[in-house]
Amino acid sequence: MGLRAYRTDGFWDELFDEQLRPRPGAEQVVRRLAEFSSGELAARQRAADKALLTMGITFNVYGHEAGTEKIWPFDIVPRVIDAAEWSSIERGLKQRIHALNCFIHDLYQQRRIIRDRVVPEWLVDSAKSYRGPCAGLDPPRGVWCHITGTDLVRGGDGVMYVLEDNLRTPSGVSYVLENREVMKRTFPQLFDGQRISPVENYPEKLLAMLQYIAPPQARDPTVVVLTPGIYNSAYFEHSFLARQMGVELVQGSDLVVVDRVVHMRTTRGLERVDVIYRRIDDDFLDPRVFRPDSVVGVPGLMEAYRAGNVALVNAPGTGIADDKAVYAYVPQIIRYYLGEDAILPNVPTWVCGERAQCDHVLAHLAEMVVKPANESGGYGIVLGPRASAAQLEECRARIRDNPRNFVAQPMLALSRVPTVVGDALEGRHVDLRPFILYGEEIFVLPGGLTRVALVKGSLVVNSSQGGGSKDTWVVHGTQGHGNGRAAPGGGA
């Protein structure tokens, strides 16, 4: 069977066009895959699964009956993006993050964008993720959103859309690095003759960014990764990134604030901490400022931050730009701060907090995807075309009860990628989460995390709900590069 039996079923396919010809950049991958029988591909998939188990690549699922820790689901057929298309995506991401950083800074400072009636005041002040205690903050180097994971989807029209922005504690980059490592171990032939942008330098780039935003008085800054602990769904990533950067992984109980300076408890006594890459939500950072019942935060941390004695990554308050109702205004935000049109379009979005838009959503509920404004992980989403009458009625009631908390979008026919299913290849829907670092300059990791809905017909790619991932290749042509070997770090 293999590729010969593969069908696109009318969906936009990331490897093939409508005539089953390889898309630009995918020619060599398709050629290599065609050399393998379906049985050989299945054997490679089993080898990859075994490698994941041996390497201990896991994630946690709260409330899962089989236990909290699960092996990361991974598919060996890569998602390929041609370098020319990636160049446009990269420019669009840099533009978007620059504008969102300007927006967040403005909101907690002068609020010009509200005074000029580009973004309504009620939208910001009613947002669950707006943090009043952050008003007047001026983070080091003026950067708020140091690390962003922006979710992209390709619709049936072939256009790449921004689905949502993740600026609080975005996760998944460790799996980007480990996916590449697993591919090299189990499917090295696929890399032959390919020029693939490397991803292995991400920890180095991350550490350089963290050191760059350290307080000016820190000549040799001490950086730590702050985790809520082993039961967090992304704990594997917390420990992985700390290890890769060569910095300490700490919990709140390991840190103490003395005279508005953060210290880490060590066997040699207290050691000053200059930069905290925190993987804890705003609410739990400092019980003196946010939730008083937090046991994973650090009392006095915000006072040390306001005094300029420590840098926090991401800055508290960035979650305002995660709000899906705020997302609808990002094209206007880009135009307001940068004087440019958005390079990457939004998915058309109706904000239920706006009366006329809410009426439209309620009248067309069966045709739309309804999302809570502040949920993540795919939870709370109602797919109108697939919902029962009872589900639609319940959704309608929830919208009427709290319209501010919902947005609606058309149901996109997400693009697909060939995926190993038993001894065959079948199309499965995917999205893409590139990771962006904002330090001295804006760096976009080539490719990112391709998440795949492993359940046939499903549009939910989140790992907590049965999704998996693929290695994402940004492929360059070989013309003018002599031997056509893989880019450094790209091959086996």
Protein backbone atom coordinates (compact mmCIF):
# COMPACT_ATOMS: atom_id res chain seq x y z
CA MET A 1 0.00 0.00 0.00
CA GLY A 2 2.23 2.87 1.23
CA LEU A 3 1.98 6.07 -0.79
CA ARG A 4 0.37 4.41 -3.80
CA ALA A 5 -2.92 4.04 -1.96
CA TYR A 6 -2.83 7.50 -0.38
CA ARG A 7 -5.71 9.91 -1.05
CA THR A 8 -6.14 13.58 -0.15
CA ASP A 9 -9.97 13.20 0.05
CA GLY A 10 -10.44 16.77 -1.15
CA PHE A 11 -8.50 18.37 1.73
CA TRP A 12 -5.45 20.59 1.31
CA ASP A 13 -2.51 18.24 1.82
CA GLU A 14 0.86 19.52 3.05
CA LEU A 15 2.87 16.98 0.99
CA PHE A 16 0.75 16.59 -2.17
CA ASP A 17 -1.27 18.78 -4.49
CA GLU A 18 -4.65 17.77 -5.94
CA GLN A 19 -2.96 15.59 -8.59
CA LEU A 20 -0.86 13.84 -5.89
CA ARG A 21 2.30 15.57 -7.08
CA PRO A 22 4.76 16.59 -4.34
CA ARG A 23 4.45 20.20 -3.22
CA PRO A 24 7.52 22.49 -3.44
CA GLY A 25 10.15 21.33 -0.96
CA ALA A 26 8.52 17.90 -0.47
CA GLU A 27 9.90 16.18 -3.58
CA GLN A 28 12.72 14.30 -1.89
CA VAL A 29 10.66 13.31 1.13
CA VAL A 30 7.99 11.83 -1.14
CA ARG A 31 10.64 10.05 -3.21
CA ARG A 32 12.16 8.50 -0.10
CA LEU A 33 8.83 7.49 1.38
CA ALA A 34 7.87 5.80 -1.90
CA GLU A 35 10.89 3.50 -1.55
CA PHE A 36 9.46 1.97 1.62
CA SER A 37 6.66 -0.55 1.77
CA SER A 38 3.83 0.03 4.20
CA GLY A 39 5.24 -2.73 6.41
CA GLU A 40 8.63 -1.01 6.54
CA LEU A 41 7.00 2.31 7.44
CA ALA A 42 5.07 0.63 10.23
CA ALA A 43 8.32 -0.91 11.51
CA ARG A 44 9.96 2.54 11.51
CA GLN A 45 6.99 3.90 13.46
CA ARG A 46 7.37 1.15 16.06
CA ALA A 47 11.07 1.97 16.34
CA ALA A 48 10.24 5.63 16.92
CA ASP A 49 7.72 4.70 19.62
CA LYS A 50 10.37 2.56 21.32
CA ALA A 51 12.90 5.41 21.13
CA LEU A 52 10.41 7.77 22.78
CA LEU A 53 9.91 5.28 25.59
CA THR A 54 13.67 4.80 26.05
CA MET A 55 14.31 8.57 26.02
CA GLY A 56 11.52 9.14 28.56
CA ILE A 57 9.72 11.75 26.45
CA THR A 58 6.43 12.20 28.27
CA PHE A 59 3.61 14.57 29.11
CA ASN A 60 1.05 14.58 31.91
CA VAL A 61 -2.72 14.46 31.62
CA TYR A 62 -4.72 15.58 34.63
CA GLY A 63 -7.33 13.04 35.67
CA HIS A 64 -6.28 10.40 33.13
CA GLU A 65 -7.43 6.96 34.26
CA ALA A 66 -4.22 5.21 33.20
CA GLY A 67 -2.05 7.50 35.30
CA THR A 68 -0.75 10.98 34.89
CA GLU A 69 2.32 10.31 32.72
CA LYS A 70 2.04 9.27 29.07
CA ILE A 71 4.57 8.70 26.31
CA TRP A 72 4.51 11.52 23.77
CA PRO A 73 2.54 10.42 20.63
CA PHE A 74 4.67 10.95 17.52
CA ASP A 75 4.29 10.20 13.81
CA ILE A 76 7.34 9.63 11.62
CA VAL A 77 6.10 11.25 8.39
CA PRO A 78 7.40 14.84 8.59
CA ARG A 79 5.47 17.97 7.77
CA VAL A 80 7.40 19.90 5.07
CA ILE A 81 7.37 23.67 4.57
CA ASP A 82 9.21 25.17 1.62
CA ALA A 83 11.80 27.80 2.64
CA ALA A 84 10.18 30.46 0.45
CA GLU A 85 6.83 30.05 2.21
CA TRP A 86 8.55 29.91 5.59
CA SER A 87 10.22 33.25 4.91
CA SER A 88 6.79 34.87 4.61
CA ILE A 89 5.51 33.10 7.76
CA GLU A 90 8.60 34.24 9.68
CA ARG A 91 8.10 37.88 8.64
CA GLY A 92 4.45 37.69 9.66
CA LEU A 93 5.28 36.26 13.08
CA LYS A 94 7.93 38.89 13.78
CA GLN A 95 5.47 41.62 12.81
CA ARG A 96 2.75 40.18 15.02
CA ILE A 97 4.93 39.75 18.11
CA HIS A 98 6.38 43.25 17.75
CA ALA A 99 2.88 44.74 17.60
CA LEU A 100 1.57 42.66 20.50
CA ASN A 101 4.53 43.73 22.65
CA CYS A 102 3.69 47.37 21.87
CA PHE A 103 0.04 46.68 22.72
CA ILE A 104 0.77 45.08 26.10
CA HIS A 105 3.18 47.87 27.05
CA ASP A 106 0.64 50.51 26.07
CA LEU A 107 -2.18 48.84 28.03
CA TYR A 108 -0.22 48.87 31.28
CA GLN A 109 1.15 52.36 30.66
CA GLN A 110 -0.68 55.15 28.77
CA ARG A 111 -3.53 53.21 27.10
CA ARG A 112 -3.30 55.26 23.92
CA ILE A 113 -4.95 52.53 21.85
CA ILE A 114 -8.04 52.73 24.07
CA ARG A 115 -8.17 56.54 24.04
CA ASP A 116 -7.97 56.44 20.25
CA ARG A 117 -10.91 53.97 20.19
CA VAL A 118 -9.07 51.26 18.29
CA VAL A 119 -9.66 48.69 21.04
CA PRO A 120 -12.70 49.17 23.34
CA GLU A 121 -12.00 49.76 27.02
CA TRP A 122 -14.59 47.22 28.17
CA LEU A 123 -12.74 44.50 26.26
CA VAL A 124 -9.55 45.03 28.25
CA ASP A 125 -11.01 45.76 31.66
CA SER A 126 -13.32 42.73 31.53
CA ALA A 127 -10.58 40.33 30.42
CA LYS A 128 -9.81 37.56 32.92
CA SER A 129 -6.14 37.79 31.97
CA TYR A 130 -5.78 41.52 32.58
CA ARG A 131 -3.66 42.10 35.69
CA GLY A 132 -4.31 45.38 37.51
CA PRO A 133 -1.19 45.05 39.70
CA CYS A 134 0.92 45.20 36.52
CA ALA A 135 -0.19 48.76 35.68
CA GLY A 136 2.86 51.00 35.39
CA LEU A 137 5.32 48.13 35.07
CA ASP A 138 8.28 48.74 32.77
CA PRO A 139 10.00 45.37 32.17
CA PRO A 140 13.71 45.13 31.37
CA ARG A 141 14.53 46.23 27.79
CA GLY A 142 10.84 47.03 27.30
CA VAL A 143 10.06 43.42 26.39
CA TRP A 144 6.94 41.74 27.77
CA CYS A 145 6.42 38.70 25.53
CA HIS A 146 9.85 37.09 25.49
CA ILE A 147 8.56 33.65 24.47
CA THR A 148 5.51 33.12 22.27
CA GLY A 149 3.89 30.07 20.73
CA THR A 150 1.61 31.23 17.91
CA ASP A 151 -0.83 28.63 16.60
CA LEU A 152 -1.23 28.57 12.81
CA VAL A 153 -3.63 26.58 10.64
CA ARG A 154 -3.97 26.21 6.90
CA GLY A 155 -7.50 26.28 5.54
CA GLY A 156 -8.94 24.58 2.50
CA ASP A 157 -7.98 27.65 0.47
CA GLY A 158 -4.29 26.96 1.14
CA VAL A 159 -3.90 30.16 3.20
CA MET A 160 -2.00 30.01 6.50
CA TYR A 161 -4.04 31.71 9.25
CA VAL A 162 -3.19 32.65 12.82
CA LEU A 163 -5.56 30.66 15.03
CA GLU A 164 -4.49 32.03 18.40
CA ASP A 165 -1.63 33.62 20.33
CA ASN A 166 -0.01 32.01 23.38
CA LEU A 167 2.05 34.48 25.41
CA ARG A 168 1.75 33.31 29.01
CA THR A 169 3.69 30.07 29.42
CA PRO A 170 3.58 28.47 25.94
CA SER A 171 4.70 24.85 25.91
CA GLY A 172 5.80 22.30 23.33
CA VAL A 173 9.23 23.47 22.16
CA SER A 174 11.00 20.56 23.90
CA TYR A 175 9.03 18.18 21.68
CA VAL A 176 10.21 20.07 18.60
CA LEU A 177 13.80 19.25 19.58
CA GLU A 178 13.09 15.69 20.66
CA ASN A 179 11.02 14.95 17.54
CA ARG A 180 14.03 15.86 15.40
CA GLU A 181 16.30 13.65 17.51
CA VAL A 182 13.93 10.69 17.23
CA MET A 183 13.71 11.14 13.46
CA LYS A 184 17.50 11.10 13.15
CA ARG A 185 17.71 7.91 15.18
CA THR A 186 14.95 5.97 13.50
CA PHE A 187 14.62 7.32 9.95
CA PRO A 188 18.05 8.72 8.92
CA GLN A 189 17.54 7.86 5.25
CA LEU A 190 14.84 10.47 4.98
CA PHE A 191 17.38 13.24 5.63
CA ASP A 192 19.74 12.26 2.78
CA GLY A 193 20.20 15.06 0.24
CA GLN A 194 17.98 17.46 2.18
CA ARG A 195 18.83 20.96 3.36
CA ILE A 196 16.69 21.29 6.47
CA SER A 197 16.87 24.27 8.81
CA PRO A 198 18.28 23.13 12.18
CA VAL A 199 16.36 23.45 15.44
CA GLU A 200 19.01 22.23 17.86
CA ASN A 201 20.24 25.73 18.67
CA TYR A 202 17.02 26.74 20.43
CA PRO A 203 18.34 26.25 24.01
CA GLU A 204 21.35 28.38 23.14
CA LYS A 205 19.11 31.11 21.71
CA LEU A 206 16.80 30.88 24.72
CA LEU A 207 19.64 31.26 27.22
CA ALA A 208 21.09 34.21 25.29
CA MET A 209 17.70 35.93 25.39
CA LEU A 210 17.30 35.29 29.13
CA GLN A 211 20.75 36.70 29.84
CA TYR A 212 20.08 39.73 27.62
CA ILE A 213 17.05 40.86 29.64
CA ALA A 214 18.79 40.48 33.01
CA PRO A 215 18.92 43.55 35.28
CA PRO A 216 21.79 45.88 34.22
CA GLN A 217 23.69 45.32 37.47
CA ALA A 218 23.98 41.58 36.77
CA ARG A 219 27.28 41.14 34.95
CA ASP A 220 27.16 37.33 34.99
CA PRO A 221 23.42 36.72 35.42
CA THR A 222 22.10 33.69 37.25
CA VAL A 223 19.15 32.20 35.38
CA VAL A 224 16.66 29.65 36.76
CA VAL A 225 13.59 27.85 35.43
CA LEU A 226 10.68 28.06 37.88
CA THR A 227 8.32 25.07 37.74
CA PRO A 228 5.17 24.33 39.77
CA GLY A 229 6.42 20.75 40.14
CA ILE A 230 6.36 17.24 38.77
CA TYR A 231 2.58 17.04 38.42
CA ASN A 232 2.39 19.89 35.92
CA SER A 233 1.47 18.75 32.41
CA ALA A 234 4.64 20.30 30.95
CA TYR A 235 7.10 19.24 33.67
CA PHE A 236 9.13 17.19 31.19
CA GLU A 237 9.72 20.37 29.21
CA HIS A 238 10.66 22.41 32.28
CA SER A 239 13.36 19.94 33.28
CA PHE A 240 14.48 19.40 29.68
CA LEU A 241 15.03 23.10 28.96
CA ALA A 242 16.80 23.70 32.28
CA ARG A 243 19.12 20.79 31.53
CA GLN A 244 19.77 21.91 27.95
CA MET A 245 20.62 25.46 29.08
CA GLY A 246 22.71 24.29 32.04
CA VAL A 247 20.68 26.25 34.60
CA GLU A 248 18.88 25.28 37.80
CA LEU A 249 15.32 23.97 37.83
CA VAL A 250 13.64 25.35 40.94
CA GLN A 251 10.29 25.41 42.68
CA GLY A 252 8.84 28.31 44.64
CA SER A 253 10.08 26.83 47.91
CA ASP A 254 13.65 27.01 46.59
CA LEU A 255 13.47 30.80 46.27
CA VAL A 256 13.28 33.53 48.89
CA VAL A 257 13.11 37.32 48.63
CA VAL A 258 15.34 39.31 51.00
CA ASP A 259 15.44 43.11 50.79
CA ARG A 260 13.63 43.02 47.41
CA VAL A 261 16.27 40.68 45.97
CA VAL A 262 15.49 37.09 44.91
CA HIS A 263 17.77 34.38 46.23
CA MET A 264 18.01 30.63 45.61
CA ARG A 265 18.63 28.30 48.51
CA THR A 266 21.75 26.18 47.87
CA THR A 267 24.01 23.95 49.95
CA ARG A 268 26.43 26.89 50.05
CA GLY A 269 23.80 29.32 51.31
CA LEU A 270 21.73 31.91 49.45
CA GLU A 271 22.67 32.72 45.85
CA ARG A 272 21.22 35.74 44.05
CA VAL A 273 18.90 35.06 41.10
CA ASP A 274 18.74 37.58 38.25
CA VAL A 275 16.39 36.01 35.69
CA ILE A 276 13.45 33.68 36.25
CA TYR A 277 12.02 31.78 33.29
CA ARG A 278 8.75 31.05 35.01
CA ARG A 279 6.43 28.25 33.97
CA ILE A 280 3.84 29.30 36.55
CA ASP A 281 0.73 31.31 35.67
CA ASP A 282 0.43 34.91 36.86
CA ASP A 283 -2.13 34.06 39.54
CA PHE A 284 0.28 31.80 41.39
CA LEU A 285 3.49 33.84 41.10
CA ASP A 286 3.30 35.85 44.31
CA PRO A 287 0.70 35.19 47.04
CA ARG A 288 1.14 38.73 48.35
CA VAL A 289 -0.06 40.25 45.07
CA PHE A 290 -2.17 37.66 43.27
CA ARG A 291 -3.78 34.54 44.76
CA PRO A 292 -3.07 34.41 48.49
CA ASP A 293 -3.59 30.64 48.55
CA SER A 294 -0.74 29.94 46.10
CA VAL A 295 1.83 27.52 47.50
CA VAL A 296 3.96 27.32 44.34
CA GLY A 297 4.87 31.00 44.08
CA VAL A 298 7.39 33.25 45.83
CA PRO A 299 6.20 35.82 48.41
CA GLY A 300 7.65 39.25 47.58
CA LEU A 301 8.58 38.33 44.00
CA MET A 302 6.58 41.15 42.42
CA GLU A 303 8.18 43.71 44.74
CA ALA A 304 11.63 42.53 43.64
CA TYR A 305 10.46 42.71 40.03
CA ARG A 306 9.12 46.24 40.38
CA ALA A 307 12.40 47.28 41.98
CA GLY A 308 14.28 46.09 38.88
CA ASN A 309 16.22 43.44 40.77
CA VAL A 310 14.98 40.45 38.80
CA ALA A 311 13.62 39.79 35.31
CA LEU A 312 10.56 37.57 34.79
CA VAL A 313 9.97 35.70 31.54
CA ASN A 314 7.33 36.15 30.30
CA ALA A 315 6.48 39.39 32.06
CA PRO A 316 3.35 39.22 34.27
CA GLY A 317 0.31 40.58 32.46
CA THR A 318 1.15 39.29 28.97
CA GLY A 319 -1.88 36.98 29.10
CA ILE A 320 -4.09 39.88 28.03
CA ALA A 321 -2.95 39.14 24.48
CA ASP A 322 -3.97 35.46 24.86
CA ASP A 323 -7.62 36.45 25.21
CA LYS A 324 -9.44 35.17 22.12
CA ALA A 325 -11.66 38.25 22.05
CA VAL A 326 -8.58 40.50 22.03
CA TYR A 327 -7.22 38.26 19.24
CA ALA A 328 -9.99 39.51 16.96
CA TYR A 329 -8.49 43.02 17.14
CA VAL A 330 -4.88 42.07 16.32
CA PRO A 331 -5.05 43.24 12.67
CA GLN A 332 -6.11 46.70 13.96
CA ILE A 333 -3.40 46.52 16.65
CA ILE A 334 -0.75 45.87 14.00
CA ARG A 335 -2.00 48.75 11.88
CA TYR A 336 -2.15 51.10 14.88
CA TYR A 337 1.37 50.52 16.21
CA LEU A 338 3.29 49.61 13.05
CA GLY A 339 1.31 51.32 10.29
CA GLU A 340 1.23 48.05 8.33
CA ASP A 341 -1.33 45.49 7.24
CA ALA A 342 -1.04 42.08 8.89
CA ILE A 343 1.11 39.69 6.87
CA LEU A 344 -0.56 36.65 8.45
CA PRO A 345 -4.37 36.90 8.50
CA ASN A 346 -6.61 36.03 11.42
CA VAL A 347 -9.37 33.48 11.08
CA PRO A 348 -12.57 35.58 10.73
CA THR A 349 -13.85 36.01 14.29
CA TRP A 350 -17.09 37.23 15.85
CA VAL A 351 -16.80 38.66 19.37
CA CYS A 352 -19.91 37.80 21.36
CA GLY A 353 -19.24 40.73 23.70
CA GLU A 354 -20.32 42.97 20.81
CA ARG A 355 -24.14 42.91 20.62
CA ALA A 356 -24.51 42.83 16.83
CA GLN A 357 -21.82 40.17 16.46
CA CYS A 358 -23.41 38.09 19.22
CA ASP A 359 -26.78 38.20 17.46
CA HIS A 360 -25.10 36.96 14.28
CA VAL A 361 -23.43 34.08 16.14
CA LEU A 362 -26.67 33.00 17.83
CA ALA A 363 -28.46 33.04 14.48
CA HIS A 364 -25.78 30.90 12.79
CA LEU A 365 -24.62 28.74 15.71
CA ALA A 366 -24.91 25.46 13.82
CA GLU A 367 -22.40 26.72 11.24
CA MET A 368 -19.71 27.99 13.64
CA VAL A 369 -16.98 26.92 16.02
CA VAL A 370 -17.58 28.55 19.43
CA LYS A 371 -14.64 29.03 21.79
CA PRO A 372 -14.32 30.29 25.36
CA ALA A 373 -12.15 33.41 25.38
CA ASN A 374 -9.69 32.18 27.99
CA GLU A 375 -9.60 28.37 27.87
CA SER A 376 -6.70 26.37 26.41
CA GLY A 377 -6.00 22.79 25.44
CA GLY A 378 -9.06 22.58 23.21
CA TYR A 379 -11.43 22.54 26.19
CA GLY A 380 -14.89 24.11 25.99
CA ILE A 381 -14.94 24.29 22.18
CA VAL A 382 -18.25 23.55 20.43
CA LEU A 383 -18.10 22.51 16.77
CA GLY A 384 -21.46 23.73 15.51
CA PRO A 385 -21.72 21.54 12.39
CA ARG A 386 -20.98 18.42 14.48
CA ALA A 387 -22.97 19.33 17.61
CA SER A 388 -26.34 17.87 18.57
CA ALA A 389 -29.40 20.06 19.02
CA ALA A 390 -29.04 19.73 22.81
CA GLN A 391 -25.38 20.75 22.68
CA LEU A 392 -26.19 23.78 20.55
CA GLU A 393 -28.95 24.83 22.94
CA GLU A 394 -26.60 24.50 25.92
CA CYS A 395 -23.98 26.54 24.06
CA ARG A 396 -26.58 29.21 23.21
CA ALA A 397 -27.53 29.49 26.88
CA ARG A 398 -23.91 29.87 27.97
CA ILE A 399 -23.32 32.61 25.41
CA ARG A 400 -26.39 34.53 26.53
CA ASP A 401 -25.37 34.14 30.17
CA ASN A 402 -21.83 35.51 29.60
CA PRO A 403 -21.34 36.82 26.04
CA ARG A 404 -17.95 38.41 26.86
CA ASN A 405 -16.49 34.95 27.41
CA PHE A 406 -17.10 33.62 23.88
CA VAL A 407 -15.98 34.12 20.31
CA ALA A 408 -17.06 32.27 17.17
CA GLN A 409 -15.30 31.37 13.93
CA PRO A 410 -16.15 29.51 10.75
CA MET A 411 -15.25 25.82 10.79
CA LEU A 412 -12.11 25.50 8.70
CA ALA A 413 -11.19 22.42 6.71
CA LEU A 414 -7.74 22.08 8.28
CA SER A 415 -4.93 20.85 6.06
CA ARG A 416 -3.72 17.27 6.42
CA VAL A 417 -0.44 15.36 6.36
CA PRO A 418 0.08 11.64 5.57
CA THR A 419 0.24 9.76 8.87
CA VAL A 420 1.10 6.14 9.69
CA VAL A 421 -2.08 4.29 10.67
CA GLY A 422 -1.38 0.60 11.16
CA ASP A 423 0.22 -0.56 7.92
CA ALA A 424 -1.18 2.30 5.83
CA LEU A 425 -0.78 6.05 5.35
CA GLU A 426 -3.86 8.16 5.91
CA GLY A 427 -4.40 11.92 6.01
CA ARG A 428 -4.76 13.50 9.44
CA HIS A 429 -5.50 17.15 10.27
CA VAL A 430 -2.67 19.32 11.63
CA ASP A 431 -1.86 22.73 13.01
CA LEU A 432 1.49 24.40 13.62
CA ARG A 433 2.94 26.16 16.66
CA PRO A 434 6.12 28.11 15.82
CA PHE A 435 8.09 29.48 18.78
CA ILE A 436 9.33 33.06 18.85
CA LEU A 437 11.98 34.56 21.15
CA TYR A 438 12.05 38.32 21.74
CA GLY A 439 15.37 39.55 23.10
CA GLU A 440 17.93 41.76 21.43
CA GLU A 441 16.16 40.78 18.23
CA ILE A 442 13.17 38.62 17.35
CA PHE A 443 14.10 35.02 16.53
CA VAL A 444 11.67 32.49 15.06
CA LEU A 445 12.59 28.82 15.44
CA PRO A 446 12.36 27.32 11.91
CA GLY A 447 9.30 25.10 11.67
CA GLY A 448 7.88 24.57 15.12
CA LEU A 449 5.57 21.96 16.60
CA THR A 450 3.21 20.32 14.15
CA ARG A 451 0.37 18.85 16.16
CA VAL A 452 -1.70 16.14 14.51
CA ALA A 453 -5.21 14.88 15.28
CA LEU A 454 -4.52 11.14 15.34
CA VAL A 455 -8.23 10.26 15.53
CA LYS A 456 -9.70 9.95 12.03
CA GLY A 457 -11.78 13.00 11.10
CA SER A 458 -10.95 14.83 14.33
CA LEU A 459 -9.95 18.49 14.28
CA VAL A 460 -8.66 18.49 17.88
CA VAL A 461 -4.87 18.27 17.84
CA ASN A 462 -4.17 18.80 21.57
CA SER A 463 -2.16 16.02 23.19
CA SER A 464 -4.49 16.08 26.19
CA GLN A 465 -7.32 15.01 23.87
CA GLY A 466 -5.68 12.33 21.75
CA GLY A 467 -3.43 14.41 19.50
CA GLY A 468 0.21 13.77 18.64
CA SER A 469 2.98 15.53 16.76
CA LYS A 470 5.29 15.42 13.76
CA ASP A 471 8.74 16.71 12.97
CA THR A 472 8.45 19.97 11.00
CA TRP A 473 10.99 20.57 8.24
CA VAL A 474 11.77 23.91 6.65
CA VAL A 475 13.38 22.64 3.43
CA HIS A 476 15.74 24.66 1.24
CA GLY A 477 16.53 23.96 -2.41
CA THR A 478 19.96 22.54 -3.21
CA GLN A 479 20.74 24.78 -6.18
CA GLY A 480 24.04 26.59 -5.69
CA HIS A 481 25.01 24.48 -2.70
CA GLY A 482 27.15 21.86 -4.36
CA ASN A 483 26.73 18.49 -2.70
CA GLY A 484 23.11 19.00 -1.61
CA ARG A 485 23.78 17.71 1.90
CA ALA A 486 21.50 18.46 4.83
CA ALA A 487 21.95 21.78 6.59
CA PRO A 488 24.05 21.59 9.76
CA GLY A 489 22.02 19.81 12.40
CA GLY A 490 19.44 18.72 9.84
CA GLY A 491 20.81 15.38 8.77
CA ALA A 492 21.65 12.24 10.63
